[in-house]
């Protein structure tokens, strides 16, 4: 396994408070995808972690196996965002991570977050702690284990994930019929 720290990346598809199956019948997991700009120096760190995990598992065969699984999103956790049709993915690389156990969730001041805090959410910026590993279960692959997420700053919510604002509604005033019903 290779430890990996991501800084100030966008969060997508977060299931951080409740484990959910990817497909019906799958084992529920906590999961998230982290979006990294393609020109970010963090891309090199991700690739180095992938190479280290693969070399630890497969030795001299690592490069060939990485090449063989790279295009398969079911076998390789680091994908080109331009191949996806999701908000915010254009010009990004997408690193998916999951865990059977709940990851550590922190705010900017390292206080634990709870779901009622409304953070982190899809589209915000986070720091993430991951471990990249290679596996041979059901064929070769490279995955990332989700260890922790720290909320870093707000960003535009993906997919309408932000709650409505009072400005989204008209002031309806008093409903005269309802008032009459209550009085009678």
Foldseek 3Di string as FASTA:
>chain_A
DFKAKAFFWFKAPFPQQHFDAPDPPHQTKGKIKTWDAPPDPSVVVVVVLQQVQQCVVPNPCSVVQCVVCVVPVVFEQKAQLVVDDFPPRPRIIMGMAIARDRAFEEEPVRDGDHVVVVPDAGFFTKMFIWHWHWDQVVHTGIHIHGHYIYGDGGGPGTPPSDDDDPVVDDDPPDDVVVVVVVVD
